[in-house]
Amino acid sequence: MVSPLLAARAYQAVQGMGATPAATPAAAGPSFGDMVKTALSDVVSSSKSAETLMTAQTQGKANMVDVVTAVASAQASLSTMMAVRDQVISAYQQIMSMPL
């Protein structure tokens, strides 16, 4: 699942791109691309765990509450990633429409 902290850090990284290089200290953390890769891998892993629990439940080996919780978690993380994607696309389109 994509944590709110990870989303906030990604938003902060995007907001900091417009600042002048002299005003910002050297980045000590991961790059924006690394954060996106981590978030995507979290989404994929939560989806896979939800699928695994659904399969186990159909075989009678898992609790329905666990399945519903895993599916809701996967849905929330996917929705968060789609919102981040939409914001990145919007920012890209704004940049491309700027006059030179």
PDB file of N, CA and C in Angstrom:
ATOM      1  N   MET A   1       0.839  -1.173   0.000  1.00  0.00           N
ATOM      2  CA  MET A   1       0.000   0.000   0.000  1.00  0.00           C
ATOM      3  C   MET A   1       0.886   1.240   0.000  1.00  0.00           C
ATOM      4  N   VAL A   2       0.486   2.223  -0.706  1.00  0.00           N
ATOM      5  CA  VAL A   2       1.225   3.480  -0.757  1.00  0.00           C
ATOM      6  C   VAL A   2       0.915   4.255   0.510  1.00  0.00           C
ATOM      7  N   SER A   3       1.942   4.564   1.259  1.00  0.00           N
ATOM      8  CA  SER A   3       1.721   5.280   2.505  1.00  0.00           C
ATOM      9  C   SER A   3       1.530   6.763   2.237  1.00  0.00           C
ATOM     10  N   PRO A   4       0.803   7.447   3.111  1.00  0.00           N
ATOM     11  CA  PRO A   4       0.630   8.892   2.936  1.00  0.00           C
ATOM     12  C   PRO A   4       1.969   9.628   2.996  1.00  0.00           C
ATOM     13  N   LEU A   5       2.907   9.112   3.784  1.00  0.00           N
ATOM     14  CA  LEU A   5       4.222   9.743   3.881  1.00  0.00           C
ATOM     15  C   LEU A   5       4.946   9.684   2.544  1.00  0.00           C
ATOM     16  N   LEU A   6       4.847   8.534   1.864  1.00  0.00           N
ATOM     17  CA  LEU A   6       5.493   8.397   0.556  1.00  0.00           C
ATOM     18  C   LEU A   6       4.868   9.351  -0.459  1.00  0.00           C
ATOM     19  N   ALA A   7       3.540   9.464  -0.419  1.00  0.00           N
ATOM     20  CA  ALA A   7       2.858  10.388  -1.330  1.00  0.00           C
ATOM     21  C   ALA A   7       3.245  11.833  -1.028  1.00  0.00           C
ATOM     22  N   ALA A   8       3.354  12.164   0.259  1.00  0.00           N
ATOM     23  CA  ALA A   8       3.740  13.525   0.634  1.00  0.00           C
ATOM     24  C   ALA A   8       5.162  13.834   0.189  1.00  0.00           C
ATOM     25  N   ARG A   9       6.062  12.871   0.326  1.00  0.00           N
ATOM     26  CA  ARG A   9       7.437  13.075  -0.114  1.00  0.00           C
ATOM     27  C   ARG A   9       7.515  13.243  -1.633  1.00  0.00           C
ATOM     28  N   ALA A  10       6.715  12.480  -2.357  1.00  0.00           N
ATOM     29  CA  ALA A  10       6.694  12.608  -3.813  1.00  0.00           C
ATOM     30  C   ALA A  10       6.172  13.986  -4.207  1.00  0.00           C
ATOM     31  N   TYR A  11       5.130  14.441  -3.524  1.00  0.00           N
ATOM     32  CA  TYR A  11       4.587  15.773  -3.808  1.00  0.00           C
ATOM     33  C   TYR A  11       5.618  16.848  -3.479  1.00  0.00           C
ATOM     34  N   GLN A  12       6.317  16.686  -2.361  1.00  0.00           N
ATOM     35  CA  GLN A  12       7.345  17.644  -1.965  1.00  0.00           C
ATOM     36  C   GLN A  12       8.483  17.675  -2.983  1.00  0.00           C
ATOM     37  N   ALA A  13       8.847  16.510  -3.512  1.00  0.00           N
ATOM     38  CA  ALA A  13       9.915  16.453  -4.504  1.00  0.00           C
ATOM     39  C   ALA A  13       9.503  17.185  -5.783  1.00  0.00           C
ATOM     40  N   VAL A  14       8.257  17.036  -6.178  1.00  0.00           N
ATOM     41  CA  VAL A  14       7.776  17.711  -7.383  1.00  0.00           C
ATOM     42  C   VAL A  14       7.715  19.216  -7.148  1.00  0.00           C
ATOM     43  N   GLN A  15       7.270  19.638  -5.988  1.00  0.00           N
ATOM     44  CA  GLN A  15       7.174  21.065  -5.681  1.00  0.00           C
ATOM     45  C   GLN A  15       8.545  21.718  -5.613  1.00  0.00           C
ATOM     46  N   GLY A  16       9.552  20.984  -5.158  1.00  0.00           N
ATOM     47  CA  GLY A  16      10.891  21.524  -5.030  1.00  0.00           C
ATOM     48  C   GLY A  16      11.632  21.658  -6.342  1.00  0.00           C
ATOM     49  N   MET A  17      11.090  21.120  -7.427  1.00  0.00           N
ATOM     50  CA  MET A  17      11.771  21.183  -8.721  1.00  0.00           C
ATOM     51  C   MET A  17      11.815  22.597  -9.278  1.00  0.00           C
ATOM     52  N   GLY A  18      10.892  23.461  -8.865  1.00  0.00           N
ATOM     53  CA  GLY A  18      10.853  24.811  -9.399  1.00  0.00           C
ATOM     54  C   GLY A  18      11.794  25.765  -8.683  1.00  0.00           C
ATOM     55  N   ALA A  19      12.378  25.351  -7.564  1.00  0.00           N
ATOM     56  CA  ALA A  19      13.253  26.233  -6.796  1.00  0.00           C
ATOM     57  C   ALA A  19      14.611  26.358  -7.480  1.00  0.00           C
ATOM     58  N   THR A  20      15.311  27.421  -7.158  1.00  0.00           N
ATOM     59  CA  THR A  20      16.639  27.622  -7.732  1.00  0.00           C
ATOM     60  C   THR A  20      17.619  26.671  -7.074  1.00  0.00           C
ATOM     61  N   PRO A  21      18.614  26.184  -7.802  1.00  0.00           N
ATOM     62  CA  PRO A  21      19.551  25.224  -7.245  1.00  0.00           C
ATOM     63  C   PRO A  21      20.352  25.786  -6.067  1.00  0.00           C
ATOM     64  N   ALA A  22      20.647  27.077  -6.055  1.00  0.00           N
ATOM     65  CA  ALA A  22      21.438  27.643  -4.966  1.00  0.00           C
ATOM     66  C   ALA A  22      20.644  27.689  -3.668  1.00  0.00           C
ATOM     67  N   ALA A  23      19.321  27.742  -3.753  1.00  0.00           N
ATOM     68  CA  ALA A  23      18.503  27.868  -2.556  1.00  0.00           C
ATOM     69  C   ALA A  23      18.201  26.523  -1.914  1.00  0.00           C
ATOM     70  N   THR A  24      18.368  25.426  -2.644  1.00  0.00           N
ATOM     71  CA  THR A  24      18.037  24.121  -2.094  1.00  0.00           C
ATOM     72  C   THR A  24      19.303  23.360  -1.749  1.00  0.00           C
ATOM     73  N   PRO A  25      19.302  22.673  -0.618  1.00  0.00           N
ATOM     74  CA  PRO A  25      20.457  21.861  -0.271  1.00  0.00           C
ATOM     75  C   PRO A  25      20.514  20.605  -1.137  1.00  0.00           C
ATOM     76  N   ALA A  26      21.660  19.952  -1.118  1.00  0.00           N
ATOM     77  CA  ALA A  26      21.813  18.730  -1.908  1.00  0.00           C
ATOM     78  C   ALA A  26      20.832  17.678  -1.408  1.00  0.00           C
ATOM     79  N   ALA A  27      20.243  16.965  -2.342  1.00  0.00           N
ATOM     80  CA  ALA A  27      19.263  15.947  -1.987  1.00  0.00           C
ATOM     81  C   ALA A  27      19.951  14.759  -1.338  1.00  0.00           C
ATOM     82  N   ALA A  28      19.499  14.429  -0.141  1.00  0.00           N
ATOM     83  CA  ALA A  28      20.090  13.311   0.570  1.00  0.00           C
ATOM     84  C   ALA A  28      19.246  12.052   0.429  1.00  0.00           C
ATOM     85  N   GLY A  29      17.985  12.201   0.046  1.00  0.00           N
ATOM     86  CA  GLY A  29      17.077  11.072  -0.045  1.00  0.00           C
ATOM     87  C   GLY A  29      17.024  10.489  -1.448  1.00  0.00           C
ATOM     88  N   PRO A  30      16.102   9.568  -1.643  1.00  0.00           N
ATOM     89  CA  PRO A  30      15.956   8.951  -2.970  1.00  0.00           C
ATOM     90  C   PRO A  30      15.373   9.943  -3.970  1.00  0.00           C
ATOM     91  N   SER A  31      15.610   9.682  -5.231  1.00  0.00           N
ATOM     92  CA  SER A  31      15.090  10.546  -6.277  1.00  0.00           C
ATOM     93  C   SER A  31      13.590  10.305  -6.462  1.00  0.00           C
ATOM     94  N   PHE A  32      12.949  11.196  -7.192  1.00  0.00           N
ATOM     95  CA  PHE A  32      11.516  11.062  -7.458  1.00  0.00           C
ATOM     96  C   PHE A  32      11.233   9.759  -8.202  1.00  0.00           C
ATOM     97  N   GLY A  33      12.103   9.426  -9.155  1.00  0.00           N
ATOM     98  CA  GLY A  33      11.929   8.188  -9.908  1.00  0.00           C
ATOM     99  C   GLY A  33      12.001   6.960  -9.016  1.00  0.00           C
ATOM    100  N   ASP A  34      12.921   6.984  -8.047  1.00  0.00           N
ATOM    101  CA  ASP A  34      13.028   5.866  -7.117  1.00  0.00           C
ATOM    102  C   ASP A  34      11.782   5.750  -6.248  1.00  0.00           C
ATOM    103  N   MET A  35      11.233   6.888  -5.840  1.00  0.00           N
ATOM    104  CA  MET A  35      10.017   6.864  -5.026  1.00  0.00           C
ATOM    105  C   MET A  35       8.837   6.323  -5.826  1.00  0.00           C
ATOM    106  N   VAL A  36       8.767   6.684  -7.099  1.00  0.00           N
ATOM    107  CA  VAL A  36       7.678   6.178  -7.938  1.00  0.00           C
ATOM    108  C   VAL A  36       7.828   4.671  -8.139  1.00  0.00           C
ATOM    109  N   LYS A  37       9.059   4.217  -8.380  1.00  0.00           N
ATOM    110  CA  LYS A  37       9.285   2.772  -8.534  1.00  0.00           C
ATOM    111  C   LYS A  37       8.892   2.022  -7.277  1.00  0.00           C
ATOM    112  N   THR A  38       9.246   2.556  -6.120  1.00  0.00           N
ATOM    113  CA  THR A  38       8.897   1.918  -4.851  1.00  0.00           C
ATOM    114  C   THR A  38       7.384   1.878  -4.671  1.00  0.00           C
ATOM    115  N   ALA A  39       6.724   2.980  -4.997  1.00  0.00           N
ATOM    116  CA  ALA A  39       5.274   3.031  -4.866  1.00  0.00           C
ATOM    117  C   ALA A  39       4.603   2.032  -5.803  1.00  0.00           C
ATOM    118  N   LEU A  40       5.103   1.936  -7.025  1.00  0.00           N
ATOM    119  CA  LEU A  40       4.534   0.979  -7.978  1.00  0.00           C
ATOM    120  C   LEU A  40       4.736  -0.456  -7.519  1.00  0.00           C
ATOM    121  N   SER A  41       5.907  -0.746  -6.987  1.00  0.00           N
ATOM    122  CA  SER A  41       6.144  -2.110  -6.502  1.00  0.00           C
ATOM    123  C   SER A  41       5.259  -2.415  -5.300  1.00  0.00           C
ATOM    124  N   ASP A  42       4.968  -1.407  -4.457  1.00  0.00           N
ATOM    125  CA  ASP A  42       4.047  -1.605  -3.341  1.00  0.00           C
ATOM    126  C   ASP A  42       2.637  -1.892  -3.836  1.00  0.00           C
ATOM    127  N   VAL A  43       2.217  -1.185  -4.872  1.00  0.00           N
ATOM    128  CA  VAL A  43       0.889  -1.414  -5.442  1.00  0.00           C
ATOM    129  C   VAL A  43       0.799  -2.821  -6.012  1.00  0.00           C
ATOM    130  N   VAL A  44       1.810  -3.225  -6.738  1.00  0.00           N
ATOM    131  CA  VAL A  44       1.804  -4.562  -7.339  1.00  0.00           C
ATOM    132  C   VAL A  44       1.809  -5.646  -6.263  1.00  0.00           C
ATOM    133  N   SER A  45       2.617  -5.466  -5.229  1.00  0.00           N
ATOM    134  CA  SER A  45       2.679  -6.487  -4.179  1.00  0.00           C
ATOM    135  C   SER A  45       1.372  -6.572  -3.397  1.00  0.00           C
ATOM    136  N   SER A  46       0.721  -5.422  -3.146  1.00  0.00           N
ATOM    137  CA  SER A  46      -0.563  -5.482  -2.435  1.00  0.00           C
ATOM    138  C   SER A  46      -1.631  -6.134  -3.310  1.00  0.00           C
ATOM    139  N   SER A  47      -1.578  -5.900  -4.611  1.00  0.00           N
ATOM    140  CA  SER A  47      -2.536  -6.551  -5.521  1.00  0.00           C
ATOM    141  C   SER A  47      -2.306  -8.055  -5.575  1.00  0.00           C
ATOM    142  N   LYS A  48      -1.038  -8.444  -5.611  1.00  0.00           N
ATOM    143  CA  LYS A  48      -0.731  -9.881  -5.642  1.00  0.00           C
ATOM    144  C   LYS A  48      -1.146 -10.566  -4.345  1.00  0.00           C
ATOM    145  N   SER A  49      -0.934  -9.901  -3.209  1.00  0.00           N
ATOM    146  CA  SER A  49      -1.335 -10.521  -1.944  1.00  0.00           C
ATOM    147  C   SER A  49      -2.852 -10.639  -1.858  1.00  0.00           C
ATOM    148  N   ALA A  50      -3.582  -9.647  -2.401  1.00  0.00           N
ATOM    149  CA  ALA A  50      -5.042  -9.725  -2.429  1.00  0.00           C
ATOM    150  C   ALA A  50      -5.498 -10.891  -3.308  1.00  0.00           C
ATOM    151  N   GLU A  51      -4.844 -11.060  -4.457  1.00  0.00           N
ATOM    152  CA  GLU A  51      -5.192 -12.176  -5.339  1.00  0.00           C
ATOM    153  C   GLU A  51      -4.896 -13.515  -4.670  1.00  0.00           C
ATOM    154  N   THR A  52      -3.785 -13.584  -3.971  1.00  0.00           N
ATOM    155  CA  THR A  52      -3.429 -14.818  -3.269  1.00  0.00           C
ATOM    156  C   THR A  52      -4.453 -15.152  -2.196  1.00  0.00           C
ATOM    157  N   LEU A  53      -4.868 -14.143  -1.438  1.00  0.00           N
ATOM    158  CA  LEU A  53      -5.876 -14.369  -0.409  1.00  0.00           C
ATOM    159  C   LEU A  53      -7.222 -14.748  -1.011  1.00  0.00           C
ATOM    160  N   MET A  54      -7.583 -14.167  -2.165  1.00  0.00           N
ATOM    161  CA  MET A  54      -8.838 -14.543  -2.817  1.00  0.00           C
ATOM    162  C   MET A  54      -8.809 -16.002  -3.243  1.00  0.00           C
ATOM    163  N   THR A  55      -7.672 -16.426  -3.785  1.00  0.00           N
ATOM    164  CA  THR A  55      -7.534 -17.825  -4.191  1.00  0.00           C
ATOM    165  C   THR A  55      -7.603 -18.749  -2.991  1.00  0.00           C
ATOM    166  N   ALA A  56      -6.917 -18.357  -1.916  1.00  0.00           N
ATOM    167  CA  ALA A  56      -6.940 -19.181  -0.702  1.00  0.00           C
ATOM    168  C   ALA A  56      -8.344 -19.245  -0.109  1.00  0.00           C
ATOM    169  N   GLN A  57      -9.103 -18.166  -0.198  1.00  0.00           N
ATOM    170  CA  GLN A  57     -10.455 -18.162   0.349  1.00  0.00           C
ATOM    171  C   GLN A  57     -11.377 -19.070  -0.445  1.00  0.00           C
ATOM    172  N   THR A  58     -11.201 -19.095  -1.772  1.00  0.00           N
ATOM    173  CA  THR A  58     -12.043 -19.987  -2.580  1.00  0.00           C
ATOM    174  C   THR A  58     -11.728 -21.449  -2.292  1.00  0.00           C
ATOM    175  N   GLN A  59     -10.510 -21.708  -1.809  1.00  0.00           N
ATOM    176  CA  GLN A  59     -10.135 -23.066  -1.435  1.00  0.00           C
ATOM    177  C   GLN A  59     -10.483 -23.367   0.023  1.00  0.00           C
ATOM    178  N   GLY A  60     -11.040 -22.374   0.718  1.00  0.00           N
ATOM    179  CA  GLY A  60     -11.441 -22.561   2.108  1.00  0.00           C
ATOM    180  C   GLY A  60     -10.302 -22.418   3.098  1.00  0.00           C
ATOM    181  N   LYS A  61      -9.208 -21.768   2.700  1.00  0.00           N
ATOM    182  CA  LYS A  61      -8.024 -21.662   3.558  1.00  0.00           C
ATOM    183  C   LYS A  61      -7.812 -20.267   4.129  1.00  0.00           C
ATOM    184  N   ALA A  62      -8.681 -19.322   3.813  1.00  0.00           N
ATOM    185  CA  ALA A  62      -8.486 -17.951   4.298  1.00  0.00           C
ATOM    186  C   ALA A  62      -9.807 -17.397   4.823  1.00  0.00           C
ATOM    187  N   ASN A  63      -9.682 -16.435   5.697  1.00  0.00           N
ATOM    188  CA  ASN A  63     -10.833 -15.788   6.291  1.00  0.00           C
ATOM    189  C   ASN A  63     -11.340 -14.695   5.353  1.00  0.00           C
ATOM    190  N   MET A  64     -12.651 -14.556   5.248  1.00  0.00           N
ATOM    191  CA  MET A  64     -13.239 -13.565   4.356  1.00  0.00           C
ATOM    192  C   MET A  64     -12.871 -12.143   4.771  1.00  0.00           C
ATOM    193  N   VAL A  65     -12.744 -11.894   6.060  1.00  0.00           N
ATOM    194  CA  VAL A  65     -12.383 -10.558   6.539  1.00  0.00           C
ATOM    195  C   VAL A  65     -10.992 -10.175   6.040  1.00  0.00           C
ATOM    196  N   ASP A  66     -10.068 -11.134   6.057  1.00  0.00           N
ATOM    197  CA  ASP A  66      -8.718 -10.867   5.552  1.00  0.00           C
ATOM    198  C   ASP A  66      -8.737 -10.561   4.059  1.00  0.00           C
ATOM    199  N   VAL A  67      -9.571 -11.262   3.330  1.00  0.00           N
ATOM    200  CA  VAL A  67      -9.675 -11.044   1.883  1.00  0.00           C
ATOM    201  C   VAL A  67     -10.223  -9.651   1.595  1.00  0.00           C
ATOM    202  N   VAL A  68     -11.281  -9.270   2.290  1.00  0.00           N
ATOM    203  CA  VAL A  68     -11.892  -7.954   2.067  1.00  0.00           C
ATOM    204  C   VAL A  68     -10.911  -6.848   2.444  1.00  0.00           C
ATOM    205  N   THR A  69     -10.179  -7.034   3.532  1.00  0.00           N
ATOM    206  CA  THR A  69      -9.192  -6.041   3.958  1.00  0.00           C
ATOM    207  C   THR A  69      -8.080  -5.905   2.926  1.00  0.00           C
ATOM    208  N   ALA A  70      -7.591  -7.018   2.403  1.00  0.00           N
ATOM    209  CA  ALA A  70      -6.518  -6.984   1.407  1.00  0.00           C
ATOM    210  C   ALA A  70      -6.986  -6.344   0.106  1.00  0.00           C
ATOM    211  N   VAL A  71      -8.211  -6.634  -0.311  1.00  0.00           N
ATOM    212  CA  VAL A  71      -8.745  -6.046  -1.545  1.00  0.00           C
ATOM    213  C   VAL A  71      -8.939  -4.542  -1.367  1.00  0.00           C
ATOM    214  N   ALA A  72      -9.440  -4.126  -0.211  1.00  0.00           N
ATOM    215  CA  ALA A  72      -9.629  -2.691   0.045  1.00  0.00           C
ATOM    216  C   ALA A  72      -8.290  -1.964   0.079  1.00  0.00           C
ATOM    217  N   SER A  73      -7.292  -2.596   0.657  1.00  0.00           N
ATOM    218  CA  SER A  73      -5.952  -2.002   0.695  1.00  0.00           C
ATOM    219  C   SER A  73      -5.375  -1.868  -0.715  1.00  0.00           C
ATOM    220  N   ALA A  74      -5.533  -2.893  -1.512  1.00  0.00           N
ATOM    221  CA  ALA A  74      -5.043  -2.849  -2.891  1.00  0.00           C
ATOM    222  C   ALA A  74      -5.778  -1.777  -3.691  1.00  0.00           C
ATOM    223  N   GLN A  75      -7.064  -1.648  -3.471  1.00  0.00           N
ATOM    224  CA  GLN A  75      -7.848  -0.634  -4.177  1.00  0.00           C
ATOM    225  C   GLN A  75      -7.420   0.771  -3.773  1.00  0.00           C
ATOM    226  N   ALA A  76      -7.164   0.977  -2.487  1.00  0.00           N
ATOM    227  CA  ALA A  76      -6.736   2.297  -2.013  1.00  0.00           C
ATOM    228  C   ALA A  76      -5.364   2.664  -2.573  1.00  0.00           C
ATOM    229  N   SER A  77      -4.456   1.706  -2.588  1.00  0.00           N
ATOM    230  CA  SER A  77      -3.119   2.010  -3.112  1.00  0.00           C
ATOM    231  C   SER A  77      -3.162   2.260  -4.616  1.00  0.00           C
ATOM    232  N   LEU A  78      -4.003   1.535  -5.330  1.00  0.00           N
ATOM    233  CA  LEU A  78      -4.136   1.775  -6.773  1.00  0.00           C
ATOM    234  C   LEU A  78      -4.759   3.142  -7.042  1.00  0.00           C
ATOM    235  N   SER A  79      -5.752   3.517  -6.262  1.00  0.00           N
ATOM    236  CA  SER A  79      -6.376   4.828  -6.430  1.00  0.00           C
ATOM    237  C   SER A  79      -5.377   5.948  -6.152  1.00  0.00           C
ATOM    238  N   THR A  80      -4.532   5.762  -5.149  1.00  0.00           N
ATOM    239  CA  THR A  80      -3.518   6.765  -4.833  1.00  0.00           C
ATOM    240  C   THR A  80      -2.526   6.900  -5.974  1.00  0.00           C
ATOM    241  N   MET A  81      -2.079   5.786  -6.519  1.00  0.00           N
ATOM    242  CA  MET A  81      -1.127   5.841  -7.634  1.00  0.00           C
ATOM    243  C   MET A  81      -1.753   6.486  -8.864  1.00  0.00           C
ATOM    244  N   MET A  82      -3.028   6.231  -9.097  1.00  0.00           N
ATOM    245  CA  MET A  82      -3.688   6.860 -10.239  1.00  0.00           C
ATOM    246  C   MET A  82      -3.803   8.371 -10.034  1.00  0.00           C
ATOM    247  N   ALA A  83      -4.025   8.806  -8.801  1.00  0.00           N
ATOM    248  CA  ALA A  83      -4.088  10.245  -8.517  1.00  0.00           C
ATOM    249  C   ALA A  83      -2.727  10.896  -8.725  1.00  0.00           C
ATOM    250  N   VAL A  84      -1.672  10.223  -8.290  1.00  0.00           N
ATOM    251  CA  VAL A  84      -0.319  10.745  -8.504  1.00  0.00           C
ATOM    252  C   VAL A  84      -0.021  10.804  -9.997  1.00  0.00           C
ATOM    253  N   ARG A  85      -0.384   9.761 -10.725  1.00  0.00           N
ATOM    254  CA  ARG A  85      -0.183   9.740 -12.173  1.00  0.00           C
ATOM    255  C   ARG A  85      -0.897  10.903 -12.856  1.00  0.00           C
ATOM    256  N   ASP A  86      -2.138  11.152 -12.442  1.00  0.00           N
ATOM    257  CA  ASP A  86      -2.898  12.257 -13.028  1.00  0.00           C
ATOM    258  C   ASP A  86      -2.231  13.599 -12.756  1.00  0.00           C
ATOM    259  N   GLN A  87      -1.684  13.770 -11.556  1.00  0.00           N
ATOM    260  CA  GLN A  87      -1.003  15.022 -11.226  1.00  0.00           C
ATOM    261  C   GLN A  87       0.287  15.180 -12.031  1.00  0.00           C
ATOM    262  N   VAL A  88       1.019  14.103 -12.224  1.00  0.00           N
ATOM    263  CA  VAL A  88       2.249  14.160 -13.016  1.00  0.00           C
ATOM    264  C   VAL A  88       1.923  14.507 -14.461  1.00  0.00           C
ATOM    265  N   ILE A  89       0.891  13.901 -15.008  1.00  0.00           N
ATOM    266  CA  ILE A  89       0.485  14.197 -16.381  1.00  0.00           C
ATOM    267  C   ILE A  89       0.042  15.652 -16.499  1.00  0.00           C
ATOM    268  N   SER A  90      -0.708  16.125 -15.532  1.00  0.00           N
ATOM    269  CA  SER A  90      -1.154  17.513 -15.543  1.00  0.00           C
ATOM    270  C   SER A  90       0.038  18.468 -15.482  1.00  0.00           C
ATOM    271  N   ALA A  91       1.006  18.176 -14.623  1.00  0.00           N
ATOM    272  CA  ALA A  91       2.197  19.027 -14.527  1.00  0.00           C
ATOM    273  C   ALA A  91       2.972  19.012 -15.837  1.00  0.00           C
ATOM    274  N   TYR A  92       3.094  17.858 -16.453  1.00  0.00           N
ATOM    275  CA  TYR A  92       3.789  17.748 -17.734  1.00  0.00           C
ATOM    276  C   TYR A  92       3.089  18.576 -18.803  1.00  0.00           C
ATOM    277  N   GLN A  93       1.769  18.488 -18.847  1.00  0.00           N
ATOM    278  CA  GLN A  93       1.024  19.249 -19.845  1.00  0.00           C
ATOM    279  C   GLN A  93       1.166  20.758 -19.623  1.00  0.00           C
ATOM    280  N   GLN A  94       1.190  21.180 -18.362  1.00  0.00           N
ATOM    281  CA  GLN A  94       1.388  22.605 -18.078  1.00  0.00           C
ATOM    282  C   GLN A  94       2.762  23.070 -18.518  1.00  0.00           C
ATOM    283  N   ILE A  95       3.765  22.244 -18.278  1.00  0.00           N
ATOM    284  CA  ILE A  95       5.127  22.589 -18.679  1.00  0.00           C
ATOM    285  C   ILE A  95       5.217  22.673 -20.201  1.00  0.00           C
ATOM    286  N   MET A  96       4.610  21.733 -20.898  1.00  0.00           N
ATOM    287  CA  MET A  96       4.671  21.720 -22.355  1.00  0.00           C
ATOM    288  C   MET A  96       3.914  22.893 -22.981  1.00  0.00           C
ATOM    289  N   SER A  97       2.926  23.429 -22.270  1.00  0.00           N
ATOM    290  CA  SER A  97       2.168  24.543 -22.834  1.00  0.00           C
ATOM    291  C   SER A  97       2.807  25.900 -22.537  1.00  0.00           C
ATOM    292  N   MET A  98       3.880  25.918 -21.763  1.00  0.00           N
ATOM    293  CA  MET A  98       4.554  27.186 -21.460  1.00  0.00           C
ATOM    294  C   MET A  98       5.273  27.716 -22.699  1.00  0.00           C
ATOM    295  N   PRO A  99       5.193  29.027 -22.903  1.00  0.00           N
ATOM    296  CA  PRO A  99       5.922  29.594 -24.049  1.00  0.00           C
ATOM    297  C   PRO A  99       7.428  29.617 -23.779  1.00  0.00           C
ATOM    298  N   LEU A 100       8.190  29.494 -24.835  1.00  0.00           N
ATOM    299  CA  LEU A 100       9.644  29.528 -24.681  1.00  0.00           C
ATOM    300  C   LEU A 100      10.175  30.906 -24.549  1.00  0.00           C
TER     301      LEU A 100
END
